């Protein structure tokens, strides 16, 4: 079973939902804006994908952080995990958990290769 993490009102999420549905793939949706996200899940993503993939520095949430907050978040993994669980909009969307790993961000080609 696929599990997709993100927030409901996001254009990348909509593309991901639409493509999964088009392919007839069933999935579970975890809305971390409403449900939150635990540190263990974030650590798993960081271990699998790396900080540069998981942390969305292009969004407005990152730009709204002070330079000190940004530097603190990047100082070490524990600080980054705390920052990401506090400011879930900093997580690249969507994060799709598959049987073989994770796909962060909407990657149409990778989604088209998925099997249920």
PDB file of N, CA and C in Angstrom:
ATOM      1  N   UNK A   1       0.855  -1.196   0.000  1.00  0.00           N
ATOM      2  CA  UNK A   1       0.000   0.000   0.000  1.00  0.00           C
ATOM      3  C   UNK A   1       0.889   1.244   0.000  1.00  0.00           C
ATOM      4  N   UNK A   2       0.587   2.151  -0.888  1.00  0.00           N
ATOM      5  CA  UNK A   2       1.301   3.413  -0.949  1.00  0.00           C
ATOM      6  C   UNK A   2       0.783   4.338   0.151  1.00  0.00           C
ATOM      7  N   UNK A   3       1.662   5.174   0.662  1.00  0.00           N
ATOM      8  CA  UNK A   3       1.255   6.177   1.643  1.00  0.00           C
ATOM      9  C   UNK A   3       1.850   7.504   1.191  1.00  0.00           C
ATOM     10  N   UNK A   4       0.989   8.499   1.051  1.00  0.00           N
ATOM     11  CA  UNK A   4       1.443   9.797   0.586  1.00  0.00           C
ATOM     12  C   UNK A   4       1.280  10.825   1.707  1.00  0.00           C
ATOM     13  N   UNK A   5       2.348  11.580   1.919  1.00  0.00           N
ATOM     14  CA  UNK A   5       2.384  12.583   2.970  1.00  0.00           C
ATOM     15  C   UNK A   5       2.406  13.969   2.333  1.00  0.00           C
ATOM     16  N   UNK A   6       1.664  14.895   2.933  1.00  0.00           N
ATOM     17  CA  UNK A   6       1.665  16.260   2.439  1.00  0.00           C
ATOM     18  C   UNK A   6       0.529  17.035   3.049  1.00  0.00           C
ATOM     19  N   UNK A   7       0.109  18.075   2.334  1.00  0.00           N
ATOM     20  CA  UNK A   7      -1.040  18.863   2.764  1.00  0.00           C
ATOM     21  C   UNK A   7      -2.053  18.888   1.622  1.00  0.00           C
ATOM     22  N   UNK A   8      -3.312  18.971   1.985  1.00  0.00           N
ATOM     23  CA  UNK A   8      -4.395  18.836   1.010  1.00  0.00           C
ATOM     24  C   UNK A   8      -4.348  19.899  -0.096  1.00  0.00           C
ATOM     25  N   UNK A   9      -4.214  21.158   0.291  1.00  0.00           N
ATOM     26  CA  UNK A   9      -4.302  22.253  -0.672  1.00  0.00           C
ATOM     27  C   UNK A   9      -2.929  22.642  -1.210  1.00  0.00           C
ATOM     28  N   UNK A  10      -2.433  21.847  -2.125  1.00  0.00           N
ATOM     29  CA  UNK A  10      -1.114  22.071  -2.704  1.00  0.00           C
ATOM     30  C   UNK A  10      -1.155  21.555  -4.136  1.00  0.00           C
ATOM     31  N   UNK A  11      -0.663  22.333  -5.074  1.00  0.00           N
ATOM     32  CA  UNK A  11      -0.750  21.933  -6.488  1.00  0.00           C
ATOM     33  C   UNK A  11       0.038  20.651  -6.764  1.00  0.00           C
ATOM     34  N   UNK A  12       1.183  20.478  -6.125  1.00  0.00           N
ATOM     35  CA  UNK A  12       1.964  19.246  -6.328  1.00  0.00           C
ATOM     36  C   UNK A  12       1.213  18.035  -5.787  1.00  0.00           C
ATOM     37  N   UNK A  13       0.535  18.234  -4.670  1.00  0.00           N
ATOM     38  CA  UNK A  13      -0.255  17.140  -4.094  1.00  0.00           C
ATOM     39  C   UNK A  13      -1.390  16.765  -5.031  1.00  0.00           C
ATOM     40  N   UNK A  14      -2.050  17.765  -5.598  1.00  0.00           N
ATOM     41  CA  UNK A  14      -3.167  17.506  -6.507  1.00  0.00           C
ATOM     42  C   UNK A  14      -2.693  16.687  -7.706  1.00  0.00           C
ATOM     43  N   UNK A  15      -1.545  17.062  -8.263  1.00  0.00           N
ATOM     44  CA  UNK A  15      -0.985  16.307  -9.393  1.00  0.00           C
ATOM     45  C   UNK A  15      -0.714  14.853  -8.990  1.00  0.00           C
ATOM     46  N   UNK A  16      -0.152  14.683  -7.790  1.00  0.00           N
ATOM     47  CA  UNK A  16       0.164  13.335  -7.308  1.00  0.00           C
ATOM     48  C   UNK A  16      -1.106  12.512  -7.111  1.00  0.00           C
ATOM     49  N   UNK A  17      -2.112  13.096  -6.437  1.00  0.00           N
ATOM     50  CA  UNK A  17      -3.385  12.390  -6.223  1.00  0.00           C
ATOM     51  C   UNK A  17      -4.005  12.000  -7.566  1.00  0.00           C
ATOM     52  N   UNK A  18      -4.040  12.948  -8.493  1.00  0.00           N
ATOM     53  CA  UNK A  18      -4.668  12.705  -9.798  1.00  0.00           C
ATOM     54  C   UNK A  18      -3.964  11.572 -10.544  1.00  0.00           C
ATOM     55  N   UNK A  19      -2.640  11.554 -10.533  1.00  0.00           N
ATOM     56  CA  UNK A  19      -1.902  10.533 -11.265  1.00  0.00           C
ATOM     57  C   UNK A  19      -2.046   9.157 -10.603  1.00  0.00           C
ATOM     58  N   UNK A  20      -2.023   9.118  -9.280  1.00  0.00           N
ATOM     59  CA  UNK A  20      -2.222   7.842  -8.584  1.00  0.00           C
ATOM     60  C   UNK A  20      -3.611   7.279  -8.894  1.00  0.00           C
ATOM     61  N   UNK A  21      -4.605   8.161  -8.870  1.00  0.00           N
ATOM     62  CA  UNK A  21      -5.986   7.745  -9.165  1.00  0.00           C
ATOM     63  C   UNK A  21      -6.108   7.282 -10.615  1.00  0.00           C
ATOM     64  N   UNK A  22      -5.521   8.042 -11.536  1.00  0.00           N
ATOM     65  CA  UNK A  22      -5.553   7.697 -12.960  1.00  0.00           C
ATOM     66  C   UNK A  22      -4.978   6.305 -13.198  1.00  0.00           C
ATOM     67  N   UNK A  23      -3.950   5.938 -12.438  1.00  0.00           N
ATOM     68  CA  UNK A  23      -3.306   4.635 -12.600  1.00  0.00           C
ATOM     69  C   UNK A  23      -4.004   3.541 -11.798  1.00  0.00           C
ATOM     70  N   UNK A  24      -5.057   3.898 -11.078  1.00  0.00           N
ATOM     71  CA  UNK A  24      -5.786   2.916 -10.300  1.00  0.00           C
ATOM     72  C   UNK A  24      -5.028   2.425  -9.074  1.00  0.00           C
ATOM     73  N   UNK A  25      -4.103   3.249  -8.580  1.00  0.00           N
ATOM     74  CA  UNK A  25      -3.308   2.862  -7.416  1.00  0.00           C
ATOM     75  C   UNK A  25      -3.987   3.338  -6.142  1.00  0.00           C
ATOM     76  N   UNK A  26      -4.132   2.447  -5.189  1.00  0.00           N
ATOM     77  CA  UNK A  26      -4.729   2.849  -3.917  1.00  0.00           C
ATOM     78  C   UNK A  26      -3.627   3.384  -3.006  1.00  0.00           C
ATOM     79  N   UNK A  27      -3.988   4.331  -2.172  1.00  0.00           N
ATOM     80  CA  UNK A  27      -3.012   4.952  -1.287  1.00  0.00           C
ATOM     81  C   UNK A  27      -3.697   5.469  -0.030  1.00  0.00           C
ATOM     82  N   UNK A  28      -2.884   5.644   0.982  1.00  0.00           N
ATOM     83  CA  UNK A  28      -3.337   6.265   2.220  1.00  0.00           C
ATOM     84  C   UNK A  28      -2.735   7.663   2.244  1.00  0.00           C
ATOM     85  N   UNK A  29      -3.530   8.649   2.637  1.00  0.00           N
ATOM     86  CA  UNK A  29      -3.052  10.031   2.689  1.00  0.00           C
ATOM     87  C   UNK A  29      -2.849  10.460   4.132  1.00  0.00           C
ATOM     88  N   UNK A  30      -1.671  10.995   4.420  1.00  0.00           N
ATOM     89  CA  UNK A  30      -1.376  11.549   5.743  1.00  0.00           C
ATOM     90  C   UNK A  30      -1.186  13.059   5.575  1.00  0.00           C
ATOM     91  N   UNK A  31      -2.123  13.827   6.092  1.00  0.00           N
ATOM     92  CA  UNK A  31      -2.073  15.283   6.012  1.00  0.00           C
ATOM     93  C   UNK A  31      -1.316  15.793   7.233  1.00  0.00           C
ATOM     94  N   UNK A  32      -0.038  16.121   7.047  1.00  0.00           N
ATOM     95  CA  UNK A  32       0.746  16.509   8.211  1.00  0.00           C
ATOM     96  C   UNK A  32       0.468  17.926   8.677  1.00  0.00           C
ATOM     97  N   UNK A  33      -0.319  18.665   7.910  1.00  0.00           N
ATOM     98  CA  UNK A  33      -0.760  19.977   8.395  1.00  0.00           C
ATOM     99  C   UNK A  33      -1.801  19.771   9.495  1.00  0.00           C
ATOM    100  N   UNK A  34      -2.662  18.771   9.309  1.00  0.00           N
ATOM    101  CA  UNK A  34      -3.718  18.492  10.287  1.00  0.00           C
ATOM    102  C   UNK A  34      -3.297  17.448  11.311  1.00  0.00           C
ATOM    103  N   UNK A  35      -2.575  16.417  10.861  1.00  0.00           N
ATOM    104  CA  UNK A  35      -2.232  15.297  11.737  1.00  0.00           C
ATOM    105  C   UNK A  35      -0.855  15.424  12.378  1.00  0.00           C
ATOM    106  N   UNK A  36      -0.062  16.373  11.897  1.00  0.00           N
ATOM    107  CA  UNK A  36       1.301  16.491  12.383  1.00  0.00           C
ATOM    108  C   UNK A  36       2.181  15.396  11.804  1.00  0.00           C
ATOM    109  N   UNK A  37       3.449  15.445  12.146  1.00  0.00           N
ATOM    110  CA  UNK A  37       4.396  14.424  11.686  1.00  0.00           C
ATOM    111  C   UNK A  37       5.382  14.171  12.819  1.00  0.00           C
ATOM    112  N   UNK A  38       5.727  12.908  13.025  1.00  0.00           N
ATOM    113  CA  UNK A  38       6.602  12.596  14.156  1.00  0.00           C
ATOM    114  C   UNK A  38       8.071  12.624  13.741  1.00  0.00           C
ATOM    115  N   UNK A  39       8.921  12.827  14.735  1.00  0.00           N
ATOM    116  CA  UNK A  39      10.361  12.945  14.506  1.00  0.00           C
ATOM    117  C   UNK A  39      10.939  11.678  13.874  1.00  0.00           C
ATOM    118  N   UNK A  40      10.414  10.524  14.249  1.00  0.00           N
ATOM    119  CA  UNK A  40      10.926   9.255  13.714  1.00  0.00           C
ATOM    120  C   UNK A  40      10.712   9.159  12.203  1.00  0.00           C
ATOM    121  N   UNK A  41       9.545   9.597  11.732  1.00  0.00           N
ATOM    122  CA  UNK A  41       9.259   9.578  10.288  1.00  0.00           C
ATOM    123  C   UNK A  41      10.206  10.522   9.561  1.00  0.00           C
ATOM    124  N   UNK A  42      10.381  11.729  10.106  1.00  0.00           N
ATOM    125  CA  UNK A  42      11.293  12.706   9.490  1.00  0.00           C
ATOM    126  C   UNK A  42      12.710  12.124   9.423  1.00  0.00           C
ATOM    127  N   UNK A  43      13.157  11.490  10.497  1.00  0.00           N
ATOM    128  CA  UNK A  43      14.506  10.896  10.528  1.00  0.00           C
ATOM    129  C   UNK A  43      14.636   9.831   9.440  1.00  0.00           C
ATOM    130  N   UNK A  44      13.604   9.022   9.270  1.00  0.00           N
ATOM    131  CA  UNK A  44      13.606   7.992   8.220  1.00  0.00           C
ATOM    132  C   UNK A  44      13.772   8.642   6.847  1.00  0.00           C
ATOM    133  N   UNK A  45      13.016   9.727   6.614  1.00  0.00           N
ATOM    134  CA  UNK A  45      13.124  10.428   5.324  1.00  0.00           C
ATOM    135  C   UNK A  45      14.511  11.026   5.128  1.00  0.00           C
ATOM    136  N   UNK A  46      15.056  11.640   6.167  1.00  0.00           N
ATOM    137  CA  UNK A  46      16.384  12.242   6.062  1.00  0.00           C
ATOM    138  C   UNK A  46      17.436  11.173   5.771  1.00  0.00           C
ATOM    139  N   UNK A  47      17.320  10.023   6.438  1.00  0.00           N
ATOM    140  CA  UNK A  47      18.264   8.931   6.202  1.00  0.00           C
ATOM    141  C   UNK A  47      18.160   8.402   4.771  1.00  0.00           C
ATOM    142  N   UNK A  48      16.930   8.307   4.263  1.00  0.00           N
ATOM    143  CA  UNK A  48      16.700   7.735   2.928  1.00  0.00           C
ATOM    144  C   UNK A  48      16.969   8.726   1.794  1.00  0.00           C
ATOM    145  N   UNK A  49      16.606   9.989   2.011  1.00  0.00           N
ATOM    146  CA  UNK A  49      16.624  10.960   0.914  1.00  0.00           C
ATOM    147  C   UNK A  49      17.655  12.074   1.067  1.00  0.00           C
ATOM    148  N   UNK A  50      18.028  12.370   2.304  1.00  0.00           N
ATOM    149  CA  UNK A  50      18.974  13.460   2.553  1.00  0.00           C
ATOM    150  C   UNK A  50      18.255  14.779   2.798  1.00  0.00           C
ATOM    151  N   UNK A  51      18.931  15.630   3.522  1.00  0.00           N
ATOM    152  CA  UNK A  51      18.362  16.928   3.919  1.00  0.00           C
ATOM    153  C   UNK A  51      18.029  17.817   2.719  1.00  0.00           C
ATOM    154  N   UNK A  52      18.861  17.783   1.680  1.00  0.00           N
ATOM    155  CA  UNK A  52      18.623  18.654   0.532  1.00  0.00           C
ATOM    156  C   UNK A  52      17.353  18.299  -0.221  1.00  0.00           C
ATOM    157  N   UNK A  53      16.906  17.057  -0.099  1.00  0.00           N
ATOM    158  CA  UNK A  53      15.669  16.628  -0.760  1.00  0.00           C
ATOM    159  C   UNK A  53      14.458  16.889   0.140  1.00  0.00           C
ATOM    160  N   UNK A  54      14.584  16.604   1.417  1.00  0.00           N
ATOM    161  CA  UNK A  54      13.449  16.708   2.341  1.00  0.00           C
ATOM    162  C   UNK A  54      13.107  18.163   2.675  1.00  0.00           C
ATOM    163  N   UNK A  55      14.130  18.982   2.893  1.00  0.00           N
ATOM    164  CA  UNK A  55      13.918  20.378   3.285  1.00  0.00           C
ATOM    165  C   UNK A  55      13.663  21.247   2.065  1.00  0.00           C
ATOM    166  N   UNK A  56      12.505  21.892   2.054  1.00  0.00           N
ATOM    167  CA  UNK A  56      12.143  22.778   0.949  1.00  0.00           C
ATOM    168  C   UNK A  56      12.589  24.197   1.278  1.00  0.00           C
ATOM    169  N   UNK A  57      13.721  24.590   0.705  1.00  0.00           N
ATOM    170  CA  UNK A  57      14.240  25.935   0.947  1.00  0.00           C
ATOM    171  C   UNK A  57      13.673  26.956  -0.038  1.00  0.00           C
ATOM    172  N   UNK A  58      12.889  26.491  -0.995  1.00  0.00           N
ATOM    173  CA  UNK A  58      12.354  27.401  -2.019  1.00  0.00           C
ATOM    174  C   UNK A  58      11.040  28.043  -1.606  1.00  0.00           C
ATOM    175  N   UNK A  59      10.389  27.497  -0.601  1.00  0.00           N
ATOM    176  CA  UNK A  59       9.073  27.989  -0.210  1.00  0.00           C
ATOM    177  C   UNK A  59       9.116  29.229   0.664  1.00  0.00           C
ATOM    178  N   UNK A  60       7.969  29.819   0.815  1.00  0.00           N
ATOM    179  CA  UNK A  60       7.853  31.042   1.621  1.00  0.00           C
ATOM    180  C   UNK A  60       8.119  30.767   3.098  1.00  0.00           C
ATOM    181  N   UNK A  61       7.806  29.577   3.575  1.00  0.00           N
ATOM    182  CA  UNK A  61       8.017  29.268   4.996  1.00  0.00           C
ATOM    183  C   UNK A  61       9.497  29.390   5.345  1.00  0.00           C
ATOM    184  N   UNK A  62      10.375  28.864   4.503  1.00  0.00           N
ATOM    185  CA  UNK A  62      11.817  28.961   4.748  1.00  0.00           C
ATOM    186  C   UNK A  62      12.262  30.419   4.727  1.00  0.00           C
ATOM    187  N   UNK A  63      11.775  31.183   3.760  1.00  0.00           N
ATOM    188  CA  UNK A  63      12.172  32.587   3.635  1.00  0.00           C
ATOM    189  C   UNK A  63      11.665  33.432   4.804  1.00  0.00           C
ATOM    190  N   UNK A  64      10.571  32.991   5.424  1.00  0.00           N
ATOM    191  CA  UNK A  64      10.031  33.734   6.567  1.00  0.00           C
ATOM    192  C   UNK A  64      10.823  33.496   7.852  1.00  0.00           C
ATOM    193  N   UNK A  65      11.589  32.413   7.898  1.00  0.00           N
ATOM    194  CA  UNK A  65      12.432  32.165   9.069  1.00  0.00           C
ATOM    195  C   UNK A  65      13.560  33.195   9.100  1.00  0.00           C
ATOM    196  N   UNK A  66      13.953  33.592  10.296  1.00  0.00           N
ATOM    197  CA  UNK A  66      15.082  34.510  10.406  1.00  0.00           C
ATOM    198  C   UNK A  66      16.361  33.760  10.019  1.00  0.00           C
ATOM    199  N   UNK A  67      17.409  34.510   9.716  1.00  0.00           N
ATOM    200  CA  UNK A  67      18.696  33.900   9.384  1.00  0.00           C
ATOM    201  C   UNK A  67      19.150  33.010  10.537  1.00  0.00           C
ATOM    202  N   UNK A  68      18.931  33.472  11.756  1.00  0.00           N
ATOM    203  CA  UNK A  68      19.314  32.692  12.935  1.00  0.00           C
ATOM    204  C   UNK A  68      18.533  31.377  12.998  1.00  0.00           C
ATOM    205  N   UNK A  69      17.236  31.426  12.719  1.00  0.00           N
ATOM    206  CA  UNK A  69      16.414  30.209  12.719  1.00  0.00           C
ATOM    207  C   UNK A  69      16.867  29.245  11.635  1.00  0.00           C
ATOM    208  N   UNK A  70      17.193  29.776  10.454  1.00  0.00           N
ATOM    209  CA  UNK A  70      17.678  28.926   9.365  1.00  0.00           C
ATOM    210  C   UNK A  70      19.005  28.264   9.742  1.00  0.00           C
ATOM    211  N   UNK A  71      19.924  29.051  10.271  1.00  0.00           N
ATOM    212  CA  UNK A  71      21.228  28.510  10.663  1.00  0.00           C
ATOM    213  C   UNK A  71      21.075  27.465  11.757  1.00  0.00           C
ATOM    214  N   UNK A  72      20.175  27.722  12.714  1.00  0.00           N
ATOM    215  CA  UNK A  72      19.922  26.777  13.798  1.00  0.00           C
ATOM    216  C   UNK A  72      19.360  25.463  13.245  1.00  0.00           C
ATOM    217  N   UNK A  73      18.436  25.563  12.289  1.00  0.00           N
ATOM    218  CA  UNK A  73      17.838  24.362  11.689  1.00  0.00           C
ATOM    219  C   UNK A  73      18.895  23.516  10.992  1.00  0.00           C
ATOM    220  N   UNK A  74      19.856  24.168  10.368  1.00  0.00           N
ATOM    221  CA  UNK A  74      20.876  23.447   9.597  1.00  0.00           C
ATOM    222  C   UNK A  74      22.080  23.043  10.431  1.00  0.00           C
ATOM    223  N   UNK A  75      22.116  23.445  11.697  1.00  0.00           N
ATOM    224  CA  UNK A  75      23.284  23.184  12.552  1.00  0.00           C
ATOM    225  C   UNK A  75      23.519  21.693  12.777  1.00  0.00           C
ATOM    226  N   UNK A  76      22.437  20.935  12.957  1.00  0.00           N
ATOM    227  CA  UNK A  76      22.575  19.489  13.135  1.00  0.00           C
ATOM    228  C   UNK A  76      21.234  18.816  12.842  1.00  0.00           C
ATOM    229  N   UNK A  77      21.266  17.498  12.738  1.00  0.00           N
ATOM    230  CA  UNK A  77      20.070  16.760  12.343  1.00  0.00           C
ATOM    231  C   UNK A  77      18.928  16.907  13.353  1.00  0.00           C
ATOM    232  N   UNK A  78      19.246  16.877  14.643  1.00  0.00           N
ATOM    233  CA  UNK A  78      18.181  17.014  15.647  1.00  0.00           C
ATOM    234  C   UNK A  78      17.468  18.352  15.535  1.00  0.00           C
ATOM    235  N   UNK A  79      18.229  19.419  15.297  1.00  0.00           N
ATOM    236  CA  UNK A  79      17.606  20.737  15.118  1.00  0.00           C
ATOM    237  C   UNK A  79      16.725  20.748  13.873  1.00  0.00           C
ATOM    238  N   UNK A  80      17.211  20.118  12.805  1.00  0.00           N
ATOM    239  CA  UNK A  80      16.436  20.076  11.563  1.00  0.00           C
ATOM    240  C   UNK A  80      15.139  19.301  11.771  1.00  0.00           C
ATOM    241  N   UNK A  81      15.215  18.176  12.456  1.00  0.00           N
ATOM    242  CA  UNK A  81      14.017  17.377  12.719  1.00  0.00           C
ATOM    243  C   UNK A  81      13.007  18.195  13.528  1.00  0.00           C
ATOM    244  N   UNK A  82      13.479  18.887  14.552  1.00  0.00           N
ATOM    245  CA  UNK A  82      12.599  19.734  15.365  1.00  0.00           C
ATOM    246  C   UNK A  82      11.961  20.825  14.503  1.00  0.00           C
ATOM    247  N   UNK A  83      12.753  21.450  13.655  1.00  0.00           N
ATOM    248  CA  UNK A  83      12.241  22.505  12.774  1.00  0.00           C
ATOM    249  C   UNK A  83      11.182  21.952  11.824  1.00  0.00           C
ATOM    250  N   UNK A  84      11.426  20.782  11.243  1.00  0.00           N
ATOM    251  CA  UNK A  84      10.486  20.197  10.284  1.00  0.00           C
ATOM    252  C   UNK A  84       9.195  19.723  10.955  1.00  0.00           C
ATOM    253  N   UNK A  85       9.274  19.231  12.183  1.00  0.00           N
ATOM    254  CA  UNK A  85       8.049  18.812  12.871  1.00  0.00           C
ATOM    255  C   UNK A  85       7.248  20.034  13.329  1.00  0.00           C
ATOM    256  N   UNK A  86       7.933  21.141  13.592  1.00  0.00           N
ATOM    257  CA  UNK A  86       7.265  22.377  14.010  1.00  0.00           C
ATOM    258  C   UNK A  86       6.687  23.126  12.815  1.00  0.00           C
ATOM    259  N   UNK A  87       7.463  23.212  11.744  1.00  0.00           N
ATOM    260  CA  UNK A  87       7.061  23.933  10.528  1.00  0.00           C
ATOM    261  C   UNK A  87       6.920  22.922   9.387  1.00  0.00           C
ATOM    262  N   UNK A  88       5.813  22.188   9.375  1.00  0.00           N
ATOM    263  CA  UNK A  88       5.655  21.100   8.396  1.00  0.00           C
ATOM    264  C   UNK A  88       5.654  21.597   6.952  1.00  0.00           C
ATOM    265  N   UNK A  89       5.359  22.870   6.735  1.00  0.00           N
ATOM    266  CA  UNK A  89       5.389  23.405   5.369  1.00  0.00           C
ATOM    267  C   UNK A  89       6.797  23.434   4.792  1.00  0.00           C
ATOM    268  N   UNK A  90       7.802  23.197   5.621  1.00  0.00           N
ATOM    269  CA  UNK A  90       9.186  23.140   5.140  1.00  0.00           C
ATOM    270  C   UNK A  90       9.530  21.798   4.505  1.00  0.00           C
ATOM    271  N   UNK A  91       8.633  20.827   4.625  1.00  0.00           N
ATOM    272  CA  UNK A  91       8.883  19.503   4.047  1.00  0.00           C
ATOM    273  C   UNK A  91       8.453  19.526   2.578  1.00  0.00           C
ATOM    274  N   UNK A  92       9.350  19.076   1.716  1.00  0.00           N
ATOM    275  CA  UNK A  92       9.017  19.001   0.288  1.00  0.00           C
ATOM    276  C   UNK A  92       7.796  18.117   0.107  1.00  0.00           C
ATOM    277  N   UNK A  93       6.884  18.535  -0.758  1.00  0.00           N
ATOM    278  CA  UNK A  93       5.647  17.781  -0.966  1.00  0.00           C
ATOM    279  C   UNK A  93       5.558  17.310  -2.411  1.00  0.00           C
ATOM    280  N   UNK A  94       4.894  16.186  -2.537  1.00  0.00           N
ATOM    281  CA  UNK A  94       4.556  15.196  -1.522  1.00  0.00           C
ATOM    282  C   UNK A  94       5.743  14.303  -1.216  1.00  0.00           C
ATOM    283  N   UNK A  95       5.628  13.545  -0.130  1.00  0.00           N
ATOM    284  CA  UNK A  95       6.558  12.440   0.119  1.00  0.00           C
ATOM    285  C   UNK A  95       5.714  11.177  -0.043  1.00  0.00           C
ATOM    286  N   UNK A  96       6.097  10.348  -0.997  1.00  0.00           N
ATOM    287  CA  UNK A  96       5.364   9.122  -1.275  1.00  0.00           C
ATOM    288  C   UNK A  96       6.176   7.937  -0.783  1.00  0.00           C
ATOM    289  N   UNK A  97       5.579   7.159   0.107  1.00  0.00           N
ATOM    290  CA  UNK A  97       6.221   5.943   0.617  1.00  0.00           C
ATOM    291  C   UNK A  97       5.759   4.778  -0.240  1.00  0.00           C
ATOM    292  N   UNK A  98       6.725   4.086  -0.836  1.00  0.00           N
ATOM    293  CA  UNK A  98       6.415   2.939  -1.684  1.00  0.00           C
ATOM    294  C   UNK A  98       7.019   1.684  -1.039  1.00  0.00           C
ATOM    295  N   UNK A  99       6.812   0.564  -1.655  1.00  0.00           N
ATOM    296  CA  UNK A  99       7.363  -0.690  -1.134  1.00  0.00           C
ATOM    297  C   UNK A  99       8.885  -0.681  -1.174  1.00  0.00           C
ATOM    298  N   UNK A 100       9.466   0.124  -2.044  1.00  0.00           N
ATOM    299  CA  UNK A 100      10.920   0.120  -2.209  1.00  0.00           C
ATOM    300  C   UNK A 100      11.614   1.362  -1.662  1.00  0.00           C
ATOM    301  N   UNK A 101      10.858   2.312  -1.144  1.00  0.00           N
ATOM    302  CA  UNK A 101      11.494   3.518  -0.621  1.00  0.00           C
ATOM    303  C   UNK A 101      10.580   4.722  -0.678  1.00  0.00           C
ATOM    304  N   UNK A 102      11.172   5.884  -0.921  1.00  0.00           N
ATOM    305  CA  UNK A 102      10.426   7.143  -0.904  1.00  0.00           C
ATOM    306  C   UNK A 102      10.693   7.948  -2.164  1.00  0.00           C
ATOM    307  N   UNK A 103       9.678   8.704  -2.567  1.00  0.00           N
ATOM    308  CA  UNK A 103       9.816   9.677  -3.645  1.00  0.00           C
ATOM    309  C   UNK A 103       9.388  11.010  -3.053  1.00  0.00           C
ATOM    310  N   UNK A 104      10.278  11.992  -3.073  1.00  0.00           N
ATOM    311  CA  UNK A 104       9.944  13.319  -2.536  1.00  0.00           C
ATOM    312  C   UNK A 104       9.763  14.289  -3.686  1.00  0.00           C
ATOM    313  N   UNK A 105       8.710  15.086  -3.596  1.00  0.00           N
ATOM    314  CA  UNK A 105       8.371  15.986  -4.686  1.00  0.00           C
ATOM    315  C   UNK A 105       7.598  15.198  -5.730  1.00  0.00           C
ATOM    316  N   UNK A 106       6.864  15.902  -6.569  1.00  0.00           N
ATOM    317  CA  UNK A 106       6.086  15.208  -7.595  1.00  0.00           C
ATOM    318  C   UNK A 106       6.991  14.910  -8.780  1.00  0.00           C
ATOM    319  N   UNK A 107       7.210  13.634  -9.047  1.00  0.00           N
ATOM    320  CA  UNK A 107       8.046  13.168 -10.151  1.00  0.00           C
ATOM    321  C   UNK A 107       7.165  12.273 -11.014  1.00  0.00           C
ATOM    322  N   UNK A 108       6.611  12.847 -12.073  1.00  0.00           N
ATOM    323  CA  UNK A 108       5.643  12.119 -12.890  1.00  0.00           C
ATOM    324  C   UNK A 108       6.194  10.802 -13.414  1.00  0.00           C
ATOM    325  N   UNK A 109       7.427  10.800 -13.900  1.00  0.00           N
ATOM    326  CA  UNK A 109       8.011   9.574 -14.452  1.00  0.00           C
ATOM    327  C   UNK A 109       8.104   8.484 -13.382  1.00  0.00           C
ATOM    328  N   UNK A 110       8.549   8.856 -12.190  1.00  0.00           N
ATOM    329  CA  UNK A 110       8.665   7.873 -11.104  1.00  0.00           C
ATOM    330  C   UNK A 110       7.283   7.352 -10.703  1.00  0.00           C
ATOM    331  N   UNK A 111       6.287   8.227 -10.677  1.00  0.00           N
ATOM    332  CA  UNK A 111       4.929   7.814 -10.317  1.00  0.00           C
ATOM    333  C   UNK A 111       4.363   6.857 -11.360  1.00  0.00           C
ATOM    334  N   UNK A 112       4.682   7.108 -12.634  1.00  0.00           N
ATOM    335  CA  UNK A 112       4.169   6.249 -13.705  1.00  0.00           C
ATOM    336  C   UNK A 112       4.762   4.841 -13.654  1.00  0.00           C
ATOM    337  N   UNK A 113       5.909   4.690 -12.993  1.00  0.00           N
ATOM    338  CA  UNK A 113       6.547   3.385 -12.888  1.00  0.00           C
ATOM    339  C   UNK A 113       6.001   2.559 -11.722  1.00  0.00           C
ATOM    340  N   UNK A 114       5.157   3.161 -10.894  1.00  0.00           N
ATOM    341  CA  UNK A 114       4.642   2.478  -9.704  1.00  0.00           C
ATOM    342  C   UNK A 114       3.661   1.381 -10.066  1.00  0.00           C
ATOM    343  N   UNK A 115       3.714   0.326  -9.272  1.00  0.00           N
ATOM    344  CA  UNK A 115       2.745  -0.767  -9.393  1.00  0.00           C
ATOM    345  C   UNK A 115       2.104  -0.937  -8.028  1.00  0.00           C
ATOM    346  N   UNK A 116       0.860  -1.338  -8.002  1.00  0.00           N
ATOM    347  CA  UNK A 116       0.155  -1.517  -6.721  1.00  0.00           C
ATOM    348  C   UNK A 116       0.515  -2.842  -6.079  1.00  0.00           C
TER     349      UNK A 116
END
